[in-house]
Amino acid sequence: MIAVLLLLFGFTLVVQLKANDGDSTLLTARQEDLVRILSDLESQEQRLSQEVAALEDSKQSLSSGAEGREAALREATERADDLGVLAGELPARGTGLVIRINGGENQVESDELLNAVQELRGAGAEAMQIEGGDGTAVRVVASTSFQDSAAGQGGDRFGVVVDGKRLTSTYTITVIGDPKTMDTALRIPGGVIESITDNGGNVTVQEQGVVDVSAIHDTTTLRYARPVS
């Protein structure tokens, strides 16, 4: 009996030493780090659980005969609509911001408008258009270009050429996405709003429950690119 107890004690001691070696990183971690690690794991588990539930629902719908075909068609239609909005080929409506940019006595240059667009994209913008003071609107997509324009009629008005269309101040950007996140992105120190106001311009940002992005991007005919089958 004594020999058996000694054997069990030795086995337990070895297992405990190995466990301590494996968890040395966690044992030496600060309490704040442990809380952060636990929070990250819980968030990841929640996201994965939601993805699994969504995939299981989709699988069940697709595998139920006629209902499955209808579900597949519905999903394909929704996907086509999403891609149409992202490509600028369909109008869009949703929560977002209306941003008005005026350069004051100075010209608002193309790089300032491009910076605003990039900040909004990085903050999760899903659909966007930019409109000039004369009402000309251009849908902003991945291929949209910005360049400075020469002086206009009379030599006293400047503008920015967006996808070949000349826009003049005041510029209005209508964007759909999470308003809080996009507004924060525009107001970061050294960002879009600070840069324009430091140059004598002004920027107003209005959060709205429903905004319409109605401008449509002209369809581009591909000459070289082909889908990979």
C-alpha atoms as a PDB file:
ATOM      1  CA  MET A   1       0.000   0.000   0.000  1.00  0.00           C
ATOM      2  CA  ILE A   2       2.862   2.377   0.867  1.00  0.00           C
ATOM      3  CA  ALA A   3       4.523   1.649  -2.476  1.00  0.00           C
ATOM      4  CA  VAL A   4       1.285   2.332  -4.361  1.00  0.00           C
ATOM      5  CA  LEU A   5       0.757   5.619  -2.509  1.00  0.00           C
ATOM      6  CA  LEU A   6       4.335   6.709  -3.242  1.00  0.00           C
ATOM      7  CA  LEU A   7       3.840   5.859  -6.909  1.00  0.00           C
ATOM      8  CA  LEU A   8       0.629   7.895  -7.110  1.00  0.00           C
ATOM      9  CA  PHE A   9       2.282  10.795  -5.311  1.00  0.00           C
ATOM     10  CA  GLY A  10       5.217  10.782  -7.727  1.00  0.00           C
ATOM     11  CA  PHE A  11       2.901  10.672 -10.763  1.00  0.00           C
ATOM     12  CA  THR A  12       0.847  13.589  -9.417  1.00  0.00           C
ATOM     13  CA  LEU A  13       4.005  15.606  -8.751  1.00  0.00           C
ATOM     14  CA  VAL A  14       5.279  15.114 -12.320  1.00  0.00           C
ATOM     15  CA  VAL A  15       1.922  16.109 -13.842  1.00  0.00           C
ATOM     16  CA  GLN A  16       1.791  19.228 -11.667  1.00  0.00           C
ATOM     17  CA  LEU A  17       5.324  20.270 -12.648  1.00  0.00           C
ATOM     18  CA  LYS A  18       4.519  19.886 -16.346  1.00  0.00           C
ATOM     19  CA  ALA A  19       1.318  21.892 -15.940  1.00  0.00           C
ATOM     20  CA  ASN A  20       3.230  24.668 -14.204  1.00  0.00           C
ATOM     21  CA  ASP A  21       5.810  24.724 -17.005  1.00  0.00           C
ATOM     22  CA  GLY A  22       3.082  24.977 -19.665  1.00  0.00           C
ATOM     23  CA  ASP A  23       1.230  27.809 -17.890  1.00  0.00           C
ATOM     24  CA  SER A  24       4.280  29.867 -16.909  1.00  0.00           C
ATOM     25  CA  THR A  25       3.275  32.663 -19.288  1.00  0.00           C
ATOM     26  CA  LEU A  26      -0.163  32.994 -17.755  1.00  0.00           C
ATOM     27  CA  LEU A  27       1.203  32.712 -14.227  1.00  0.00           C
ATOM     28  CA  THR A  28       3.504  35.688 -14.796  1.00  0.00           C
ATOM     29  CA  ALA A  29       0.922  37.769 -16.702  1.00  0.00           C
ATOM     30  CA  ARG A  30      -0.623  40.851 -15.151  1.00  0.00           C
ATOM     31  CA  GLN A  31      -4.237  40.818 -14.037  1.00  0.00           C
ATOM     32  CA  GLU A  32      -5.128  43.348 -16.769  1.00  0.00           C
ATOM     33  CA  ASP A  33      -3.601  41.074 -19.420  1.00  0.00           C
ATOM     34  CA  LEU A  34      -5.492  38.048 -18.118  1.00  0.00           C
ATOM     35  CA  VAL A  35      -8.771  39.976 -18.194  1.00  0.00           C
ATOM     36  CA  ARG A  36      -8.068  41.121 -21.758  1.00  0.00           C
ATOM     37  CA  ILE A  37      -7.198  37.569 -22.885  1.00  0.00           C
ATOM     38  CA  LEU A  38     -10.383  36.220 -21.307  1.00  0.00           C
ATOM     39  CA  SER A  39     -12.463  38.971 -22.927  1.00  0.00           C
ATOM     40  CA  ASP A  40     -10.911  38.272 -26.351  1.00  0.00           C
ATOM     41  CA  LEU A  41     -11.611  34.553 -26.011  1.00  0.00           C
ATOM     42  CA  GLU A  42     -15.214  35.179 -24.996  1.00  0.00           C
ATOM     43  CA  SER A  43     -15.743  37.576 -27.925  1.00  0.00           C
ATOM     44  CA  GLN A  44     -14.200  35.103 -30.338  1.00  0.00           C
ATOM     45  CA  GLU A  45     -16.355  32.286 -28.976  1.00  0.00           C
ATOM     46  CA  GLN A  46     -19.479  34.428 -29.386  1.00  0.00           C
ATOM     47  CA  ARG A  47     -18.627  35.356 -32.994  1.00  0.00           C
ATOM     48  CA  LEU A  48     -17.880  31.751 -33.905  1.00  0.00           C
ATOM     49  CA  SER A  49     -21.104  30.575 -32.288  1.00  0.00           C
ATOM     50  CA  GLN A  50     -23.073  33.122 -34.306  1.00  0.00           C
ATOM     51  CA  GLU A  51     -21.344  32.052 -37.518  1.00  0.00           C
ATOM     52  CA  VAL A  52     -22.030  28.383 -36.794  1.00  0.00           C
ATOM     53  CA  ALA A  53     -25.710  29.108 -36.095  1.00  0.00           C
ATOM     54  CA  ALA A  54     -26.035  31.133 -39.315  1.00  0.00           C
ATOM     55  CA  LEU A  55     -24.365  28.398 -41.373  1.00  0.00           C
ATOM     56  CA  GLU A  56     -26.558  25.714 -39.838  1.00  0.00           C
ATOM     57  CA  ASP A  57     -29.700  27.728 -40.629  1.00  0.00           C
ATOM     58  CA  SER A  58     -28.499  28.246 -44.189  1.00  0.00           C
ATOM     59  CA  LYS A  59     -27.681  24.556 -44.598  1.00  0.00           C
ATOM     60  CA  GLN A  60     -31.080  23.534 -43.287  1.00  0.00           C
ATOM     61  CA  SER A  61     -32.864  25.949 -45.633  1.00  0.00           C
ATOM     62  CA  LEU A  62     -30.866  24.851 -48.673  1.00  0.00           C
ATOM     63  CA  SER A  63     -31.425  21.154 -48.024  1.00  0.00           C
ATOM     64  CA  SER A  64     -35.216  21.237 -47.787  1.00  0.00           C
ATOM     65  CA  GLY A  65     -36.385  20.679 -51.387  1.00  0.00           C
ATOM     66  CA  ALA A  66     -38.436  23.465 -52.953  1.00  0.00           C
ATOM     67  CA  GLU A  67     -37.923  25.645 -49.909  1.00  0.00           C
ATOM     68  CA  GLY A  68     -34.207  25.097 -50.345  1.00  0.00           C
ATOM     69  CA  ARG A  69     -34.304  26.298 -53.949  1.00  0.00           C
ATOM     70  CA  GLU A  70     -36.274  29.355 -52.928  1.00  0.00           C
ATOM     71  CA  ALA A  71     -33.799  30.053 -50.133  1.00  0.00           C
ATOM     72  CA  ALA A  72     -30.874  29.681 -52.539  1.00  0.00           C
ATOM     73  CA  LEU A  73     -32.522  32.068 -54.991  1.00  0.00           C
ATOM     74  CA  ARG A  74     -33.249  34.531 -52.206  1.00  0.00           C
ATOM     75  CA  GLU A  75     -29.651  34.419 -50.980  1.00  0.00           C
ATOM     76  CA  ALA A  76     -28.348  34.869 -54.526  1.00  0.00           C
ATOM     77  CA  THR A  77     -30.645  37.870 -55.039  1.00  0.00           C
ATOM     78  CA  GLU A  78     -29.551  39.449 -51.775  1.00  0.00           C
ATOM     79  CA  ARG A  79     -25.920  38.867 -52.689  1.00  0.00           C
ATOM     80  CA  ALA A  80     -26.440  40.434 -56.119  1.00  0.00           C
ATOM     81  CA  ASP A  81     -28.077  43.461 -54.484  1.00  0.00           C
ATOM     82  CA  ASP A  82     -25.176  43.827 -52.048  1.00  0.00           C
ATOM     83  CA  LEU A  83     -22.651  43.676 -54.877  1.00  0.00           C
ATOM     84  CA  GLY A  84     -24.730  46.155 -56.886  1.00  0.00           C
ATOM     85  CA  VAL A  85     -24.593  48.651 -54.022  1.00  0.00           C
ATOM     86  CA  LEU A  86     -20.846  48.161 -53.514  1.00  0.00           C
ATOM     87  CA  ALA A  87     -20.215  48.593 -57.255  1.00  0.00           C
ATOM     88  CA  GLY A  88     -22.358  51.724 -57.334  1.00  0.00           C
ATOM     89  CA  GLU A  89     -24.825  50.251 -59.813  1.00  0.00           C
ATOM     90  CA  LEU A  90     -27.810  50.429 -57.431  1.00  0.00           C
ATOM     91  CA  PRO A  91     -29.089  53.270 -55.219  1.00  0.00           C
ATOM     92  CA  ALA A  92     -28.849  52.720 -51.485  1.00  0.00           C
ATOM     93  CA  ARG A  93     -30.578  53.951 -48.333  1.00  0.00           C
ATOM     94  CA  GLY A  94     -29.618  53.645 -44.704  1.00  0.00           C
ATOM     95  CA  THR A  95     -28.233  55.271 -41.576  1.00  0.00           C
ATOM     96  CA  GLY A  96     -25.296  57.555 -42.177  1.00  0.00           C
ATOM     97  CA  LEU A  97     -23.791  61.028 -42.351  1.00  0.00           C
ATOM     98  CA  VAL A  98     -24.132  64.137 -44.478  1.00  0.00           C
ATOM     99  CA  ILE A  99     -20.803  65.995 -44.572  1.00  0.00           C
ATOM    100  CA  ARG A 100     -20.448  69.500 -46.055  1.00  0.00           C
ATOM    101  CA  ILE A 101     -16.980  70.801 -46.865  1.00  0.00           C
ATOM    102  CA  ASN A 102     -16.234  74.431 -47.734  1.00  0.00           C
ATOM    103  CA  GLY A 103     -12.738  75.732 -48.277  1.00  0.00           C
ATOM    104  CA  GLY A 104     -13.579  79.327 -47.418  1.00  0.00           C
ATOM    105  CA  GLU A 105     -11.204  81.667 -49.215  1.00  0.00           C
ATOM    106  CA  ASN A 106      -8.926  78.765 -50.114  1.00  0.00           C
ATOM    107  CA  GLN A 107      -9.618  76.027 -52.629  1.00  0.00           C
ATOM    108  CA  VAL A 108     -10.486  72.593 -51.304  1.00  0.00           C
ATOM    109  CA  GLU A 109      -7.987  70.393 -53.102  1.00  0.00           C
ATOM    110  CA  SER A 110      -8.518  66.928 -54.473  1.00  0.00           C
ATOM    111  CA  ASP A 111      -6.255  65.243 -51.920  1.00  0.00           C
ATOM    112  CA  GLU A 112      -8.374  66.622 -49.064  1.00  0.00           C
ATOM    113  CA  LEU A 113     -11.550  65.140 -50.541  1.00  0.00           C
ATOM    114  CA  LEU A 114      -9.727  61.874 -51.221  1.00  0.00           C
ATOM    115  CA  ASN A 115      -8.519  61.774 -47.605  1.00  0.00           C
ATOM    116  CA  ALA A 116     -12.106  62.218 -46.429  1.00  0.00           C
ATOM    117  CA  VAL A 117     -13.271  59.361 -48.653  1.00  0.00           C
ATOM    118  CA  GLN A 118     -10.450  57.095 -47.460  1.00  0.00           C
ATOM    119  CA  GLU A 119     -11.174  57.836 -43.796  1.00  0.00           C
ATOM    120  CA  LEU A 120     -14.850  57.020 -44.326  1.00  0.00           C
ATOM    121  CA  ARG A 121     -13.988  53.797 -46.154  1.00  0.00           C
ATOM    122  CA  GLY A 122     -11.663  52.781 -43.347  1.00  0.00           C
ATOM    123  CA  ALA A 123     -14.474  53.426 -40.870  1.00  0.00           C
ATOM    124  CA  GLY A 124     -16.795  50.997 -42.648  1.00  0.00           C
ATOM    125  CA  ALA A 125     -18.669  53.169 -45.173  1.00  0.00           C
ATOM    126  CA  GLU A 126     -20.867  50.957 -47.386  1.00  0.00           C
ATOM    127  CA  ALA A 127     -22.126  53.462 -49.977  1.00  0.00           C
ATOM    128  CA  MET A 128     -21.079  57.010 -50.740  1.00  0.00           C
ATOM    129  CA  GLN A 129     -21.587  59.890 -53.149  1.00  0.00           C
ATOM    130  CA  ILE A 130     -20.080  63.358 -53.455  1.00  0.00           C
ATOM    131  CA  GLU A 131     -22.033  66.335 -54.752  1.00  0.00           C
ATOM    132  CA  GLY A 132     -20.824  69.735 -55.903  1.00  0.00           C
ATOM    133  CA  GLY A 133     -22.348  73.124 -55.289  1.00  0.00           C
ATOM    134  CA  ASP A 134     -24.219  72.998 -58.609  1.00  0.00           C
ATOM    135  CA  GLY A 135     -25.922  69.717 -57.709  1.00  0.00           C
ATOM    136  CA  THR A 136     -23.721  67.431 -59.821  1.00  0.00           C
ATOM    137  CA  ALA A 137     -23.305  64.154 -57.915  1.00  0.00           C
ATOM    138  CA  VAL A 138     -20.828  61.314 -58.424  1.00  0.00           C
ATOM    139  CA  ARG A 139     -21.070  57.843 -56.888  1.00  0.00           C
ATOM    140  CA  VAL A 140     -17.836  56.934 -55.110  1.00  0.00           C
ATOM    141  CA  VAL A 141     -16.578  53.403 -55.809  1.00  0.00           C
ATOM    142  CA  ALA A 142     -13.225  51.648 -55.626  1.00  0.00           C
ATOM    143  CA  SER A 143     -12.046  53.080 -58.963  1.00  0.00           C
ATOM    144  CA  THR A 144     -13.167  56.684 -58.381  1.00  0.00           C
ATOM    145  CA  SER A 145     -10.446  59.219 -59.228  1.00  0.00           C
ATOM    146  CA  PHE A 146      -9.840  62.727 -57.843  1.00  0.00           C
ATOM    147  CA  GLN A 147      -7.802  65.516 -59.430  1.00  0.00           C
ATOM    148  CA  ASP A 148      -7.610  69.282 -59.158  1.00  0.00           C
ATOM    149  CA  SER A 149      -9.364  71.382 -61.789  1.00  0.00           C
ATOM    150  CA  ALA A 150      -8.106  74.514 -63.495  1.00  0.00           C
ATOM    151  CA  ALA A 151      -9.830  77.860 -62.900  1.00  0.00           C
ATOM    152  CA  GLY A 152     -13.434  77.997 -64.039  1.00  0.00           C
ATOM    153  CA  GLN A 153     -15.301  80.708 -65.893  1.00  0.00           C
ATOM    154  CA  GLY A 154     -14.096  84.172 -64.975  1.00  0.00           C
ATOM    155  CA  GLY A 155     -11.002  82.682 -63.378  1.00  0.00           C
ATOM    156  CA  ASP A 156     -12.467  82.990 -59.889  1.00  0.00           C
ATOM    157  CA  ARG A 157     -13.885  79.514 -59.308  1.00  0.00           C
ATOM    158  CA  PHE A 158     -11.958  76.330 -58.819  1.00  0.00           C
ATOM    159  CA  GLY A 159     -13.077  72.773 -58.483  1.00  0.00           C
ATOM    160  CA  VAL A 160     -12.191  69.116 -58.241  1.00  0.00           C
ATOM    161  CA  VAL A 161     -12.670  66.643 -61.069  1.00  0.00           C
ATOM    162  CA  VAL A 162     -14.197  63.430 -59.744  1.00  0.00           C
ATOM    163  CA  ASP A 163     -14.405  60.595 -62.276  1.00  0.00           C
ATOM    164  CA  GLY A 164     -14.266  63.133 -65.094  1.00  0.00           C
ATOM    165  CA  LYS A 165     -17.004  65.400 -63.670  1.00  0.00           C
ATOM    166  CA  ARG A 166     -16.054  68.850 -62.412  1.00  0.00           C
ATOM    167  CA  LEU A 167     -17.456  69.655 -58.962  1.00  0.00           C
ATOM    168  CA  THR A 168     -17.233  72.979 -57.153  1.00  0.00           C
ATOM    169  CA  SER A 169     -17.657  74.013 -53.527  1.00  0.00           C
ATOM    170  CA  THR A 170     -19.565  73.517 -51.348  1.00  0.00           C
ATOM    171  CA  TYR A 171     -18.938  69.751 -51.490  1.00  0.00           C
ATOM    172  CA  THR A 172     -21.475  67.432 -49.876  1.00  0.00           C
ATOM    173  CA  ILE A 173     -20.534  63.840 -49.082  1.00  0.00           C
ATOM    174  CA  THR A 174     -23.480  61.548 -48.336  1.00  0.00           C
ATOM    175  CA  VAL A 175     -22.362  58.266 -46.825  1.00  0.00           C
ATOM    176  CA  ILE A 176     -24.092  55.176 -45.415  1.00  0.00           C
ATOM    177  CA  GLY A 177     -22.524  53.329 -42.510  1.00  0.00           C
ATOM    178  CA  ASP A 178     -22.173  53.472 -38.740  1.00  0.00           C
ATOM    179  CA  PRO A 179     -22.444  57.216 -37.947  1.00  0.00           C
ATOM    180  CA  LYS A 180     -20.513  57.161 -34.681  1.00  0.00           C
ATOM    181  CA  THR A 181     -17.537  55.284 -36.117  1.00  0.00           C
ATOM    182  CA  MET A 182     -17.332  57.452 -39.239  1.00  0.00           C
ATOM    183  CA  ASP A 183     -17.693  60.694 -37.282  1.00  0.00           C
ATOM    184  CA  THR A 184     -14.884  59.632 -34.945  1.00  0.00           C
ATOM    185  CA  ALA A 185     -12.637  58.818 -37.911  1.00  0.00           C
ATOM    186  CA  LEU A 186     -13.131  62.293 -39.380  1.00  0.00           C
ATOM    187  CA  ARG A 187     -12.290  63.996 -36.070  1.00  0.00           C
ATOM    188  CA  ILE A 188      -9.013  62.258 -35.217  1.00  0.00           C
ATOM    189  CA  PRO A 189      -6.168  64.713 -34.445  1.00  0.00           C
ATOM    190  CA  GLY A 190      -4.472  65.735 -37.669  1.00  0.00           C
ATOM    191  CA  GLY A 191      -7.299  64.203 -39.694  1.00  0.00           C
ATOM    192  CA  VAL A 192      -9.703  65.516 -42.296  1.00  0.00           C
ATOM    193  CA  ILE A 193     -11.653  68.075 -40.281  1.00  0.00           C
ATOM    194  CA  GLU A 194      -8.602  69.505 -38.527  1.00  0.00           C
ATOM    195  CA  SER A 195      -6.653  69.755 -41.789  1.00  0.00           C
ATOM    196  CA  ILE A 196      -9.411  71.641 -43.622  1.00  0.00           C
ATOM    197  CA  THR A 197     -10.217  73.984 -40.737  1.00  0.00           C
ATOM    198  CA  ASP A 198      -6.526  74.788 -40.252  1.00  0.00           C
ATOM    199  CA  ASN A 199      -6.482  75.956 -43.895  1.00  0.00           C
ATOM    200  CA  GLY A 200      -9.384  78.336 -43.296  1.00  0.00           C
ATOM    201  CA  GLY A 201     -12.212  76.046 -44.392  1.00  0.00           C
ATOM    202  CA  ASN A 202     -15.055  74.549 -42.439  1.00  0.00           C
ATOM    203  CA  VAL A 203     -16.672  71.129 -42.190  1.00  0.00           C
ATOM    204  CA  THR A 204     -20.104  70.273 -40.834  1.00  0.00           C
ATOM    205  CA  VAL A 205     -21.127  66.696 -40.044  1.00  0.00           C
ATOM    206  CA  GLN A 206     -24.766  65.740 -39.556  1.00  0.00           C
ATOM    207  CA  GLU A 207     -25.854  62.304 -38.367  1.00  0.00           C
ATOM    208  CA  GLN A 208     -29.116  61.193 -39.942  1.00  0.00           C
ATOM    209  CA  GLY A 209     -31.289  58.147 -39.415  1.00  0.00           C
ATOM    210  CA  VAL A 210     -31.934  57.761 -43.128  1.00  0.00           C
ATOM    211  CA  VAL A 211     -29.823  59.050 -46.016  1.00  0.00           C
ATOM    212  CA  ASP A 212     -30.132  58.297 -49.718  1.00  0.00           C
ATOM    213  CA  VAL A 213     -27.172  57.586 -51.985  1.00  0.00           C
ATOM    214  CA  SER A 214     -28.907  57.922 -55.337  1.00  0.00           C
ATOM    215  CA  ALA A 215     -26.067  58.630 -57.777  1.00  0.00           C
ATOM    216  CA  ILE A 216     -25.247  55.678 -60.036  1.00  0.00           C
ATOM    217  CA  HIS A 217     -21.758  54.802 -61.230  1.00  0.00           C
ATOM    218  CA  ASP A 218     -21.402  54.424 -64.982  1.00  0.00           C
ATOM    219  CA  THR A 219     -20.844  50.790 -65.917  1.00  0.00           C
ATOM    220  CA  THR A 220     -17.286  50.069 -66.996  1.00  0.00           C
ATOM    221  CA  THR A 221     -16.698  47.699 -69.903  1.00  0.00           C
ATOM    222  CA  LEU A 222     -13.751  45.472 -69.087  1.00  0.00           C
ATOM    223  CA  ARG A 223     -11.142  45.161 -71.831  1.00  0.00           C
ATOM    224  CA  TYR A 224      -8.487  43.049 -70.169  1.00  0.00           C
ATOM    225  CA  ALA A 225      -9.755  41.517 -66.920  1.00  0.00           C
ATOM    226  CA  ARG A 226     -11.645  38.235 -67.038  1.00  0.00           C
ATOM    227  CA  PRO A 227     -13.082  36.212 -64.131  1.00  0.00           C
ATOM    228  CA  VAL A 228     -11.110  33.129 -63.131  1.00  0.00           C
ATOM    229  CA  SER A 229     -13.242  30.000 -63.480  1.00  0.00           C
END
